[in-house]
N, C-alpha and C. Protein backbone atom coordinates (compact mmCIF):
# COMPACT_ATOMS: atom_id res chain seq x y z
N UNK A 1 -57.54 46.17 -3.83
CA UNK A 1 -58.50 45.76 -4.81
C UNK A 1 -58.43 46.45 -6.11
N UNK A 2 -58.21 47.86 -6.10
CA UNK A 2 -58.01 48.47 -7.30
C UNK A 2 -56.73 48.04 -8.14
N UNK A 3 -55.78 47.70 -7.45
CA UNK A 3 -54.61 47.27 -8.07
C UNK A 3 -54.97 45.97 -8.80
N UNK A 4 -55.67 45.11 -8.32
CA UNK A 4 -56.03 43.75 -8.86
C UNK A 4 -56.79 44.19 -10.00
N UNK A 5 -57.66 45.19 -9.99
CA UNK A 5 -58.49 45.56 -11.13
C UNK A 5 -57.79 46.15 -12.35
N UNK A 6 -56.95 46.73 -11.98
CA UNK A 6 -55.97 47.50 -12.75
C UNK A 6 -55.28 46.49 -13.61
N UNK A 7 -54.74 45.17 -12.99
CA UNK A 7 -54.10 44.09 -13.48
C UNK A 7 -54.91 43.31 -14.42
N UNK A 8 -56.22 43.19 -13.83
CA UNK A 8 -57.18 42.45 -14.75
C UNK A 8 -57.49 43.31 -16.12
N UNK A 9 -57.62 44.46 -15.94
CA UNK A 9 -57.80 45.40 -17.23
C UNK A 9 -56.69 45.16 -18.19
N UNK A 10 -55.81 45.33 -17.76
CA UNK A 10 -54.50 45.39 -18.46
C UNK A 10 -54.28 43.83 -19.05
N UNK A 11 -54.39 42.85 -18.68
CA UNK A 11 -54.32 41.51 -18.94
C UNK A 11 -55.36 41.33 -20.15
N UNK A 12 -56.68 41.65 -19.68
CA UNK A 12 -57.67 41.58 -20.55
C UNK A 12 -57.44 42.10 -21.96
N UNK A 13 -57.17 43.41 -21.85
CA UNK A 13 -56.89 44.36 -23.02
C UNK A 13 -55.80 43.48 -23.81
N UNK A 14 -54.72 43.24 -23.34
CA UNK A 14 -53.93 42.64 -24.03
C UNK A 14 -54.13 41.25 -24.59
N UNK A 15 -54.90 40.49 -23.78
CA UNK A 15 -55.26 39.16 -24.30
C UNK A 15 -56.27 39.33 -25.52
N UNK A 16 -57.11 40.30 -25.35
CA UNK A 16 -58.10 40.76 -26.60
C UNK A 16 -57.29 40.97 -27.71
N UNK A 17 -56.43 41.87 -27.71
CA UNK A 17 -55.58 42.51 -28.61
C UNK A 17 -55.07 41.40 -29.52
N UNK A 18 -54.16 40.36 -28.79
CA UNK A 18 -53.74 39.18 -29.52
C UNK A 18 -54.61 38.38 -29.85
N UNK A 19 -55.60 38.16 -29.29
CA UNK A 19 -56.62 37.10 -29.78
C UNK A 19 -57.24 37.66 -31.34
N UNK A 20 -57.40 38.90 -31.27
CA UNK A 20 -57.99 39.76 -32.53
C UNK A 20 -56.93 39.86 -33.62
N UNK A 21 -55.87 39.39 -33.39
CA UNK A 21 -54.71 39.66 -34.47
C UNK A 21 -53.37 40.40 -34.34
N UNK A 22 -53.37 41.05 -33.07
CA UNK A 22 -52.34 41.92 -32.79
C UNK A 22 -51.87 42.84 -33.61
N UNK A 23 -52.78 43.69 -34.10
CA UNK A 23 -52.60 44.68 -35.05
C UNK A 23 -51.79 45.81 -34.51
N UNK A 24 -50.77 46.03 -35.34
CA UNK A 24 -49.82 47.15 -34.72
C UNK A 24 -50.16 48.58 -35.45
N UNK A 25 -51.31 48.57 -36.04
CA UNK A 25 -51.89 50.10 -36.56
C UNK A 25 -52.82 50.56 -35.70
N UNK A 26 -54.02 51.33 -36.18
CA UNK A 26 -54.82 51.99 -35.50
C UNK A 26 -56.06 50.85 -35.41
N UNK A 27 -56.91 51.15 -34.47
CA UNK A 27 -58.14 50.14 -34.31
C UNK A 27 -58.87 50.32 -35.54
N UNK A 28 -59.49 49.19 -36.27
CA UNK A 28 -60.36 49.16 -37.34
C UNK A 28 -61.88 48.56 -36.81
N UNK A 29 -62.79 49.20 -37.52
CA UNK A 29 -64.28 48.75 -37.20
C UNK A 29 -64.85 48.16 -38.54
N UNK A 30 -63.96 48.30 -39.54
CA UNK A 30 -64.43 47.53 -40.93
C UNK A 30 -63.11 46.88 -41.47
N UNK A 31 -63.25 45.67 -41.84
CA UNK A 31 -62.11 44.90 -42.26
C UNK A 31 -62.25 44.77 -43.75
N UNK A 32 -61.15 45.13 -44.42
CA UNK A 32 -61.07 45.28 -45.91
C UNK A 32 -60.68 43.95 -46.30
N UNK A 33 -61.32 43.40 -47.41
CA UNK A 33 -61.09 42.23 -48.20
C UNK A 33 -60.99 42.48 -49.68
N UNK A 34 -59.79 41.99 -50.15
CA UNK A 34 -59.54 41.98 -51.84
C UNK A 34 -60.46 40.88 -52.31
N UNK A 35 -61.34 41.32 -53.32
CA UNK A 35 -62.14 40.42 -54.09
C UNK A 35 -61.84 40.60 -55.61
N UNK A 36 -61.69 39.66 -56.16
CA UNK A 36 -61.53 39.89 -57.75
C UNK A 36 -62.75 39.84 -58.43
N UNK A 37 -62.72 40.64 -59.47
CA UNK A 37 -64.13 40.58 -60.36
C UNK A 37 -64.14 39.44 -61.19
N UNK A 38 -65.21 38.64 -61.20
CA UNK A 38 -65.27 37.51 -61.94
C UNK A 38 -65.22 37.71 -63.65
N UNK A 39 -65.64 38.78 -64.03
CA UNK A 39 -65.69 39.31 -65.35
C UNK A 39 -64.38 39.79 -65.77
N UNK A 40 -63.94 41.00 -65.35
CA UNK A 40 -62.88 41.63 -65.62
C UNK A 40 -61.49 41.02 -65.05
N UNK A 41 -61.57 40.38 -64.00
CA UNK A 41 -60.28 40.02 -63.36
C UNK A 41 -59.74 40.80 -62.50
N UNK A 42 -60.15 42.28 -62.53
CA UNK A 42 -59.61 43.20 -61.50
C UNK A 42 -59.97 43.06 -60.30
N UNK A 43 -59.15 43.51 -59.32
CA UNK A 43 -59.02 43.15 -57.86
C UNK A 43 -60.06 44.54 -57.18
N UNK A 44 -60.72 44.30 -56.48
CA UNK A 44 -61.49 45.31 -56.02
C UNK A 44 -61.50 45.06 -54.29
N UNK A 45 -61.94 46.08 -53.50
CA UNK A 45 -61.64 45.98 -52.06
C UNK A 45 -63.13 46.08 -51.58
N UNK A 46 -63.56 45.16 -50.79
CA UNK A 46 -64.88 45.12 -50.18
C UNK A 46 -64.67 45.33 -48.71
N UNK A 47 -65.61 45.65 -47.96
CA UNK A 47 -65.43 45.84 -46.40
C UNK A 47 -66.46 45.04 -45.77
N UNK A 48 -65.90 44.27 -44.72
CA UNK A 48 -66.89 43.56 -43.72
C UNK A 48 -66.76 44.18 -42.27
N UNK A 49 -67.97 44.37 -41.71
CA UNK A 49 -68.03 44.92 -40.32
C UNK A 49 -67.27 44.01 -39.55
N UNK A 50 -66.53 44.70 -38.57
CA UNK A 50 -65.65 43.74 -37.76
C UNK A 50 -64.81 44.62 -36.76
N UNK A 51 -64.41 44.10 -35.79
CA UNK A 51 -63.46 44.88 -34.73
C UNK A 51 -62.07 44.35 -34.59
N UNK A 52 -61.10 45.06 -35.04
CA UNK A 52 -59.70 44.58 -34.90
C UNK A 52 -59.08 45.70 -33.99
N UNK A 53 -58.77 45.46 -32.69
CA UNK A 53 -58.15 46.54 -31.83
C UNK A 53 -56.60 46.67 -32.34
N UNK A 54 -56.31 48.17 -32.10
CA UNK A 54 -54.97 48.40 -32.55
C UNK A 54 -54.20 48.73 -31.20
N UNK A 55 -53.08 49.63 -31.80
CA UNK A 55 -52.33 50.03 -30.55
C UNK A 55 -52.91 51.17 -29.72
N UNK A 56 -53.77 51.72 -30.25
CA UNK A 56 -54.60 52.95 -29.62
C UNK A 56 -55.54 52.39 -28.59
N UNK A 57 -56.06 51.02 -28.76
CA UNK A 57 -56.82 50.28 -28.11
C UNK A 57 -55.90 49.81 -26.61
N UNK A 58 -54.62 49.43 -27.09
CA UNK A 58 -53.71 49.13 -25.87
C UNK A 58 -53.30 50.32 -25.14
N UNK A 59 -53.26 51.23 -25.80
CA UNK A 59 -52.78 52.53 -25.01
C UNK A 59 -53.86 53.09 -24.16
N UNK A 60 -55.16 53.10 -24.47
CA UNK A 60 -56.29 53.27 -23.80
C UNK A 60 -56.38 52.44 -22.45
N UNK A 61 -56.30 51.14 -22.64
CA UNK A 61 -56.39 50.22 -21.68
C UNK A 61 -55.14 50.28 -20.72
N UNK A 62 -53.92 50.75 -21.14
CA UNK A 62 -52.83 50.81 -20.33
C UNK A 62 -53.12 52.10 -19.44
N UNK A 63 -53.63 53.27 -19.92
CA UNK A 63 -54.02 54.49 -19.36
C UNK A 63 -55.10 53.96 -18.26
N UNK A 64 -56.03 53.30 -18.69
CA UNK A 64 -57.16 53.08 -17.45
C UNK A 64 -56.58 52.22 -16.34
N UNK A 65 -55.68 51.34 -16.74
CA UNK A 65 -54.97 50.47 -15.71
C UNK A 65 -54.20 51.37 -14.95
N UNK A 66 -53.57 52.24 -15.33
CA UNK A 66 -52.59 53.19 -14.75
C UNK A 66 -53.42 54.08 -13.85
N UNK A 67 -54.61 54.70 -14.20
CA UNK A 67 -55.34 55.28 -13.38
C UNK A 67 -55.72 54.41 -12.10
N UNK A 68 -56.39 53.36 -12.67
CA UNK A 68 -56.76 52.49 -11.41
C UNK A 68 -55.63 52.15 -10.38
N UNK A 69 -54.40 51.97 -10.89
CA UNK A 69 -53.17 51.72 -10.07
C UNK A 69 -52.76 52.92 -9.19
N UNK A 70 -53.03 54.04 -10.07
CA UNK A 70 -52.67 55.35 -9.19
C UNK A 70 -53.81 55.65 -8.19
N UNK A 71 -54.85 55.29 -8.41
CA UNK A 71 -56.04 55.61 -7.41
C UNK A 71 -55.89 54.68 -6.35
N UNK A 72 -55.17 53.45 -6.50
CA UNK A 72 -55.13 52.67 -5.12
C UNK A 72 -54.03 53.21 -4.30
N UNK A 73 -53.13 54.11 -4.97
CA UNK A 73 -52.07 54.60 -3.97
C UNK A 73 -52.71 55.86 -3.15
N UNK A 74 -53.84 56.58 -3.91
CA UNK A 74 -54.24 57.64 -3.14
C UNK A 74 -55.40 57.35 -2.11
N UNK A 75 -56.28 56.29 -2.57
CA UNK A 75 -57.23 56.02 -1.61
C UNK A 75 -56.60 55.56 -0.32
N UNK A 76 -57.18 55.90 0.85
CA UNK A 76 -56.67 55.31 2.22
C UNK A 76 -57.18 53.98 2.35
N UNK A 77 -56.51 52.90 2.42
CA UNK A 77 -57.06 51.62 2.69
C UNK A 77 -56.65 51.05 4.04
N UNK A 78 -56.46 51.78 4.88
CA UNK A 78 -55.91 51.49 6.16
C UNK A 78 -57.04 50.96 6.96
N UNK A 79 -57.16 49.30 6.70
CA UNK A 79 -58.07 48.81 7.19
C UNK A 79 -57.91 48.23 8.76
N UNK A 80 -56.79 48.73 9.33
CA UNK A 80 -56.35 48.13 10.69
C UNK A 80 -57.60 48.13 11.67
N UNK A 81 -57.84 47.15 11.98
CA UNK A 81 -58.83 47.17 13.43
C UNK A 81 -58.33 47.70 14.42
N UNK A 82 -59.10 48.46 15.29
CA UNK A 82 -58.81 49.01 16.39
C UNK A 82 -59.09 47.74 17.53
N UNK A 83 -58.01 47.58 18.47
CA UNK A 83 -58.12 46.54 19.25
C UNK A 83 -58.98 47.28 20.51
N UNK A 84 -59.96 46.29 20.92
CA UNK A 84 -60.81 46.71 21.95
C UNK A 84 -60.27 47.13 23.23
N UNK A 85 -60.55 48.33 23.98
CA UNK A 85 -59.92 48.62 24.99
C UNK A 85 -59.85 47.64 26.10
N UNK A 86 -58.78 47.26 26.67
CA UNK A 86 -58.40 46.55 27.94
C UNK A 86 -59.13 47.05 29.00
N UNK A 87 -59.95 46.10 29.37
CA UNK A 87 -60.81 46.67 30.78
C UNK A 87 -59.73 46.36 31.92
N UNK A 88 -59.70 47.46 32.55
CA UNK A 88 -58.80 47.44 33.76
C UNK A 88 -59.61 47.06 34.94
N UNK A 89 -59.10 46.11 35.67
CA UNK A 89 -59.93 45.67 36.93
C UNK A 89 -59.35 46.29 38.04
N UNK A 90 -60.13 46.82 38.71
CA UNK A 90 -60.09 47.69 39.96
C UNK A 90 -59.89 46.70 41.05
N UNK A 91 -58.63 46.67 41.70
CA UNK A 91 -58.39 45.76 43.15
C UNK A 91 -58.78 46.55 44.34
N UNK A 92 -59.50 46.16 44.84
CA UNK A 92 -59.94 46.63 46.25
C UNK A 92 -59.18 46.07 47.48
């Protein structure tokens, strides 16, 4: 179960990273936009709140998935059911 959860974490993080733009830099919480000034014509930068995951987001998700996968190897999941004892019939 932990291995499946590790795969889900890794795939979800990769999918979110790709869906949000596949940023190869650091994670950004403010997105810069270049806006020209209507009077002077100079270009300025304004910031808009948003989330763009970067490679540090991917590294954190890969680390979390690795910890979950490693925990699956440590946790004893021996669910072998013990067979009921065979009743011995005594013959007289």
